[in-house]
């Protein structure tokens, strides 16, 4: 991602198909730092942009809005879209695990959700996002160990954070403990059960060594979730064109985040508009075929 050109060894389980780093770097934090895309402070939006973003976010959270529907097609927000099937109430208690600087939490707040929490062990300090919205520098297990937090949430979310955890089963068990009976857990992860991994191999951009410590197959994430006591409700693919242009850049030796760049962006001039269109179309096909490189897994803590 940062063009450090270091090597890391991963091992593949021939039983469940999971891919896992052999040795977690002792200085893992240096591979995030202030330049990591989810940690940076984003600029404030203009009043007009804030209105448009709020319309999109409200639509994606199941408040139909014609303008919001058009904006959602123009500028998708996959993390917010993934909540739609669960029909979560506005007063539900929601915790976002590995939330970075809290962009998704702020989007949920703008959509009308009122009881939001964030935890991330890699943020430099606790972050006050305003309006009672806080990101705590902590692990989920630290949060649920507090008497007033255990078995008190309606929804626990892992949006591309579970793959960053050395022992994800511990975090999933903490999620089970954090949830009320009947509560939901959303896990969005990259998956090795995908065309992109088979085709690109070590150049697959979502491998993201060494930050991605464990990359699950569709089989291994289901096995782990069941072992943690969850009921598996289903899954969906939400891969994007990034699996192609990001991986193609790696094959060409181009880092995703170049000096001064605080977002993951295509290198200027590397791809034509026709190529980008082809990447988007192919990603949509792979999602329909259940062969995309990103999946959403819907879990529930059983009522009984």
Protein backbone atom coordinates (compact mmCIF):
# COMPACT_ATOMS: atom_id res chain seq x y z
CA UNK A 1 0.00 0.00 0.00
CA UNK A 2 2.75 2.45 0.95
CA UNK A 3 5.37 1.04 -1.42
CA UNK A 4 7.62 -0.30 1.36
CA UNK A 5 8.56 -3.35 -0.74
CA UNK A 6 8.84 -5.77 2.19
CA UNK A 7 8.05 -9.50 2.13
CA UNK A 8 5.77 -11.49 4.44
CA UNK A 9 5.02 -15.19 4.57
CA UNK A 10 1.45 -16.49 4.59
CA UNK A 11 0.17 -20.04 5.00
CA UNK A 12 -2.92 -21.58 3.44
CA UNK A 13 -5.07 -24.09 5.34
CA UNK A 14 -5.93 -26.94 3.00
CA UNK A 15 -8.79 -27.92 5.31
CA UNK A 16 -10.89 -24.74 5.37
CA UNK A 17 -9.05 -22.58 2.82
CA UNK A 18 -8.14 -19.76 5.22
CA UNK A 19 -4.98 -17.76 4.50
CA UNK A 20 -3.03 -16.53 7.54
CA UNK A 21 0.20 -14.61 8.10
CA UNK A 22 2.92 -16.82 9.58
CA UNK A 23 4.42 -14.25 11.95
CA UNK A 24 2.65 -11.07 13.01
CA UNK A 25 5.15 -8.18 12.95
CA UNK A 26 5.97 -6.95 16.44
CA UNK A 27 5.82 -3.37 15.15
CA UNK A 28 2.50 -3.78 13.30
CA UNK A 29 1.43 -0.25 14.19
CA UNK A 30 4.02 1.25 11.86
CA UNK A 31 2.19 -0.27 8.89
CA UNK A 32 -0.81 1.92 9.72
CA UNK A 33 0.41 5.26 10.99
CA UNK A 34 -1.15 8.61 10.26
CA UNK A 35 -1.14 7.92 6.52
CA UNK A 36 -3.48 4.92 6.68
CA UNK A 37 -6.69 5.81 4.86
CA UNK A 38 -9.22 5.00 7.61
CA UNK A 39 -7.28 6.90 10.28
CA UNK A 40 -7.07 10.28 8.63
CA UNK A 41 -9.23 13.25 9.53
CA UNK A 42 -11.56 14.09 6.64
CA UNK A 43 -12.28 17.65 5.61
CA UNK A 44 -15.61 19.21 6.52
CA UNK A 45 -18.29 19.24 3.84
CA UNK A 46 -19.93 22.36 2.53
CA UNK A 47 -23.54 22.96 3.69
CA UNK A 48 -24.89 21.80 0.30
CA UNK A 49 -22.70 18.69 0.26
CA UNK A 50 -23.80 17.87 3.82
CA UNK A 51 -27.47 18.04 2.75
CA UNK A 52 -26.85 15.75 -0.23
CA UNK A 53 -24.85 13.27 1.83
CA UNK A 54 -27.57 13.18 4.48
CA UNK A 55 -30.21 12.47 1.80
CA UNK A 56 -28.14 9.58 0.47
CA UNK A 57 -27.46 8.18 3.93
CA UNK A 58 -31.12 8.33 4.95
CA UNK A 59 -32.14 6.55 1.77
CA UNK A 60 -29.55 3.82 2.29
CA UNK A 61 -30.81 3.31 5.84
CA UNK A 62 -34.34 2.59 4.51
CA UNK A 63 -35.87 6.06 4.47
CA UNK A 64 -36.77 6.33 0.80
CA UNK A 65 -35.76 9.61 -0.76
CA UNK A 66 -35.76 10.12 -4.57
CA UNK A 67 -32.72 12.40 -4.42
CA UNK A 68 -31.01 10.03 -2.00
CA UNK A 69 -31.70 7.07 -4.29
CA UNK A 70 -30.08 8.87 -7.23
CA UNK A 71 -27.08 9.88 -5.12
CA UNK A 72 -26.70 6.32 -3.80
CA UNK A 73 -26.32 5.09 -7.38
CA UNK A 74 -23.91 7.90 -8.21
CA UNK A 75 -21.78 7.62 -5.04
CA UNK A 76 -22.40 4.25 -3.35
CA UNK A 77 -21.64 3.73 0.34
CA UNK A 78 -21.32 -0.04 0.66
CA UNK A 79 -20.89 -0.13 4.44
CA UNK A 80 -24.17 1.70 4.96
CA UNK A 81 -25.95 -0.28 2.24
CA UNK A 82 -25.05 -3.52 4.00
CA UNK A 83 -27.35 -2.61 6.92
CA UNK A 84 -30.50 -2.40 4.79
CA UNK A 85 -31.55 -6.07 4.97
CA UNK A 86 -31.57 -5.99 8.79
CA UNK A 87 -34.03 -3.07 9.10
CA UNK A 88 -32.27 -1.71 12.18
CA UNK A 89 -34.30 0.74 14.30
CA UNK A 90 -33.01 4.30 14.69
CA UNK A 91 -32.70 3.89 18.46
CA UNK A 92 -30.79 0.59 18.23
CA UNK A 93 -27.50 0.42 20.13
CA UNK A 94 -24.78 -0.07 17.51
CA UNK A 95 -21.03 -0.54 17.93
CA UNK A 96 -18.58 -0.32 15.03
CA UNK A 97 -15.43 -2.37 15.71
CA UNK A 98 -12.25 -1.12 14.05
CA UNK A 99 -13.99 2.09 13.05
CA UNK A 100 -10.87 4.19 12.41
CA UNK A 101 -11.69 7.88 12.53
CA UNK A 102 -15.44 7.12 12.61
CA UNK A 103 -16.61 7.97 9.09
CA UNK A 104 -19.32 5.29 9.08
CA UNK A 105 -20.51 6.33 12.54
CA UNK A 106 -20.90 9.92 11.36
CA UNK A 107 -22.84 8.68 8.33
CA UNK A 108 -25.18 6.68 10.58
CA UNK A 109 -25.62 9.70 12.81
CA UNK A 110 -26.57 11.83 9.78
CA UNK A 111 -29.09 9.12 8.79
CA UNK A 112 -30.85 9.47 12.15
CA UNK A 113 -29.27 6.76 14.32
CA UNK A 114 -28.80 7.98 17.86
CA UNK A 115 -27.04 5.34 19.97
CA UNK A 116 -23.71 4.78 18.31
CA UNK A 117 -20.33 3.67 19.64
CA UNK A 118 -16.92 3.06 18.07
CA UNK A 119 -13.86 1.10 19.20
CA UNK A 120 -10.48 0.83 17.52
CA UNK A 121 -7.17 -0.15 19.15
CA UNK A 122 -5.14 1.58 16.43
CA UNK A 123 -6.41 5.15 16.82
CA UNK A 124 -3.93 7.38 18.61
CA UNK A 125 -6.42 8.44 21.28
CA UNK A 126 -10.13 8.60 22.08
CA UNK A 127 -11.96 10.74 19.51
CA UNK A 128 -14.94 12.97 20.29
CA UNK A 129 -16.93 13.25 17.06
CA UNK A 130 -19.56 15.53 18.59
CA UNK A 131 -23.21 14.99 19.36
CA UNK A 132 -22.34 12.39 21.99
CA UNK A 133 -20.50 10.22 19.46
CA UNK A 134 -17.20 8.78 20.72
CA UNK A 135 -14.54 6.47 19.33
CA UNK A 136 -12.69 4.67 22.11
CA UNK A 137 -9.10 3.51 21.75
CA UNK A 138 -9.89 -0.03 22.85
CA UNK A 139 -10.69 -3.58 21.84
CA UNK A 140 -14.29 -4.78 21.78
CA UNK A 141 -13.45 -7.20 24.60
CA UNK A 142 -12.45 -4.20 26.77
CA UNK A 143 -15.83 -2.60 26.13
CA UNK A 144 -17.97 -5.63 26.93
CA UNK A 145 -16.04 -6.29 30.13
CA UNK A 146 -17.76 -3.19 31.52
CA UNK A 147 -20.91 -4.26 33.43
CA UNK A 148 -23.20 -1.82 31.63
CA UNK A 149 -22.06 -2.87 28.12
CA UNK A 150 -22.26 -6.68 28.13
CA UNK A 151 -25.33 -8.06 26.31
CA UNK A 152 -26.61 -4.58 25.58
CA UNK A 153 -26.13 -3.99 21.82
CA UNK A 154 -28.54 -4.63 18.97
CA UNK A 155 -25.85 -4.63 16.30
CA UNK A 156 -22.09 -5.21 16.22
CA UNK A 157 -20.31 -4.33 12.97
CA UNK A 158 -16.94 -5.43 11.59
CA UNK A 159 -16.49 -3.47 8.37
CA UNK A 160 -13.18 -4.70 6.99
CA UNK A 161 -11.68 -4.87 10.45
CA UNK A 162 -11.85 -8.58 11.40
CA UNK A 163 -9.04 -9.42 8.98
CA UNK A 164 -6.79 -7.02 10.94
CA UNK A 165 -7.17 -8.99 14.18
CA UNK A 166 -4.63 -11.61 15.22
CA UNK A 167 -7.22 -13.90 16.81
CA UNK A 168 -10.57 -13.00 15.23
CA UNK A 169 -12.43 -15.73 17.10
CA UNK A 170 -11.81 -13.82 20.36
CA UNK A 171 -13.39 -10.72 18.81
CA UNK A 172 -16.35 -12.67 17.45
CA UNK A 173 -16.95 -14.19 20.88
CA UNK A 174 -16.79 -10.70 22.35
CA UNK A 175 -19.36 -9.63 19.76
CA UNK A 176 -21.64 -12.50 20.80
CA UNK A 177 -21.26 -11.40 24.42
CA UNK A 178 -21.94 -7.75 23.52
CA UNK A 179 -25.21 -8.55 21.74
CA UNK A 180 -28.65 -8.87 23.18
CA UNK A 181 -30.30 -12.22 22.38
CA UNK A 182 -31.60 -11.86 18.84
CA UNK A 183 -29.04 -9.13 18.09
CA UNK A 184 -27.16 -9.00 14.80
CA UNK A 185 -23.53 -9.00 13.75
CA UNK A 186 -22.33 -7.83 10.33
CA UNK A 187 -18.93 -9.00 9.10
CA UNK A 188 -17.58 -7.49 5.88
CA UNK A 189 -14.28 -9.02 4.82
CA UNK A 190 -12.12 -9.76 1.81
CA UNK A 191 -12.19 -13.44 0.90
CA UNK A 192 -9.77 -15.84 -0.73
CA UNK A 193 -12.82 -17.66 -2.13
CA UNK A 194 -12.68 -15.33 -5.11
CA UNK A 195 -11.60 -14.94 -8.71
CA UNK A 196 -9.27 -12.07 -7.79
CA UNK A 197 -7.19 -14.20 -5.39
CA UNK A 198 -7.01 -17.09 -7.86
CA UNK A 199 -5.99 -14.80 -10.73
CA UNK A 200 -3.71 -12.26 -9.05
CA UNK A 201 -2.20 -14.32 -6.22
CA UNK A 202 0.31 -12.26 -4.24
CA UNK A 203 -0.56 -9.18 -6.33
CA UNK A 204 -4.18 -9.29 -5.12
CA UNK A 205 -4.66 -5.86 -3.56
CA UNK A 206 -6.94 -7.13 -0.76
CA UNK A 207 -4.18 -9.41 0.52
CA UNK A 208 -2.80 -6.16 1.96
CA UNK A 209 0.20 -7.66 3.76
CA UNK A 210 0.97 -7.37 6.59
CA UNK A 211 -2.14 -5.57 7.88
CA UNK A 212 -4.49 -8.39 6.87
CA UNK A 213 -3.50 -11.11 9.28
CA UNK A 214 -6.17 -13.65 8.36
CA UNK A 215 -8.05 -13.79 5.08
CA UNK A 216 -11.02 -16.10 5.37
CA UNK A 217 -12.56 -18.37 2.81
CA UNK A 218 -16.34 -18.56 2.71
CA UNK A 219 -16.04 -21.90 4.45
CA UNK A 220 -13.68 -20.78 7.22
CA UNK A 221 -15.67 -17.68 8.22
CA UNK A 222 -18.82 -19.81 8.51
CA UNK A 223 -17.01 -22.39 10.63
CA UNK A 224 -15.59 -19.73 12.95
CA UNK A 225 -18.91 -17.90 13.33
CA UNK A 226 -20.72 -21.13 14.19
CA UNK A 227 -18.02 -22.07 16.72
CA UNK A 228 -18.61 -18.70 18.44
CA UNK A 229 -22.30 -19.48 18.87
CA UNK A 230 -23.74 -17.44 16.00
CA UNK A 231 -26.59 -18.36 13.72
CA UNK A 232 -25.58 -17.68 10.11
CA UNK A 233 -28.38 -15.83 8.34
CA UNK A 234 -26.73 -15.54 4.94
CA UNK A 235 -24.13 -13.66 2.93
CA UNK A 236 -23.76 -11.41 -0.09
CA UNK A 237 -20.91 -10.29 -2.36
CA UNK A 238 -20.09 -6.59 -2.53
CA UNK A 239 -16.78 -6.53 -4.40
CA UNK A 240 -15.86 -3.53 -6.55
CA UNK A 241 -13.66 -2.55 -9.49
CA UNK A 242 -10.86 -2.01 -6.95
CA UNK A 243 -10.02 -5.72 -7.06
CA UNK A 244 -8.88 -5.16 -10.65
CA UNK A 245 -7.27 -1.73 -10.82
CA UNK A 246 -5.67 -2.08 -7.37
CA UNK A 247 -4.20 -5.49 -8.23
CA UNK A 248 -3.09 -4.31 -11.67
CA UNK A 249 -1.22 -1.44 -10.01
CA UNK A 250 0.56 -3.88 -7.70
CA UNK A 251 1.60 -5.96 -10.71
CA UNK A 252 3.09 -2.78 -12.16
CA UNK A 253 4.88 -1.89 -8.93
CA UNK A 254 2.66 1.13 -8.15
CA UNK A 255 1.73 1.81 -4.52
CA UNK A 256 -1.91 2.56 -3.72
CA UNK A 257 -1.08 5.51 -1.45
CA UNK A 258 1.64 7.70 -2.83
CA UNK A 259 3.30 10.62 -0.96
CA UNK A 260 0.72 13.20 0.05
CA UNK A 261 -2.17 10.89 -0.88
CA UNK A 262 -4.63 10.20 1.96
CA UNK A 263 -6.97 7.95 0.03
CA UNK A 264 -6.68 4.84 -2.10
CA UNK A 265 -6.76 6.19 -5.63
CA UNK A 266 -5.86 4.95 -9.11
CA UNK A 267 -2.51 6.14 -10.43
CA UNK A 268 -3.13 8.91 -13.00
CA UNK A 269 -2.97 7.75 -16.58
CA UNK A 270 -2.66 4.02 -15.86
CA UNK A 271 -6.16 3.02 -16.98
CA UNK A 272 -8.55 4.25 -19.63
CA UNK A 273 -12.22 5.01 -19.00
CA UNK A 274 -13.05 1.90 -21.02
CA UNK A 275 -10.89 -0.21 -18.71
CA UNK A 276 -12.58 1.22 -15.62
CA UNK A 277 -15.97 0.46 -17.16
CA UNK A 278 -14.85 -3.10 -17.83
CA UNK A 279 -13.58 -3.46 -14.24
CA UNK A 280 -16.95 -2.32 -12.86
CA UNK A 281 -18.91 -4.63 -15.14
CA UNK A 282 -16.72 -7.61 -14.27
CA UNK A 283 -17.05 -6.89 -10.53
CA UNK A 284 -20.84 -6.86 -10.88
CA UNK A 285 -20.72 -10.18 -12.72
CA UNK A 286 -18.54 -11.75 -10.04
CA UNK A 287 -20.90 -10.55 -7.31
CA UNK A 288 -23.82 -12.22 -9.07
CA UNK A 289 -21.77 -15.40 -9.48
CA UNK A 290 -20.76 -15.29 -5.77
CA UNK A 291 -17.10 -15.07 -6.77
CA UNK A 292 -16.30 -11.49 -5.73
CA UNK A 293 -13.36 -10.72 -3.46
CA UNK A 294 -15.44 -9.02 -0.72
CA UNK A 295 -18.39 -10.50 1.16
CA UNK A 296 -20.94 -9.48 3.77
CA UNK A 297 -21.80 -12.17 6.32
CA UNK A 298 -24.96 -11.71 8.40
CA UNK A 299 -24.95 -13.32 11.84
CA UNK A 300 -27.37 -13.39 14.75
CA UNK A 301 -27.06 -14.30 18.39
CA UNK A 302 -29.83 -16.87 18.94
CA UNK A 303 -32.71 -15.85 21.15
CA UNK A 304 -32.64 -19.08 23.17
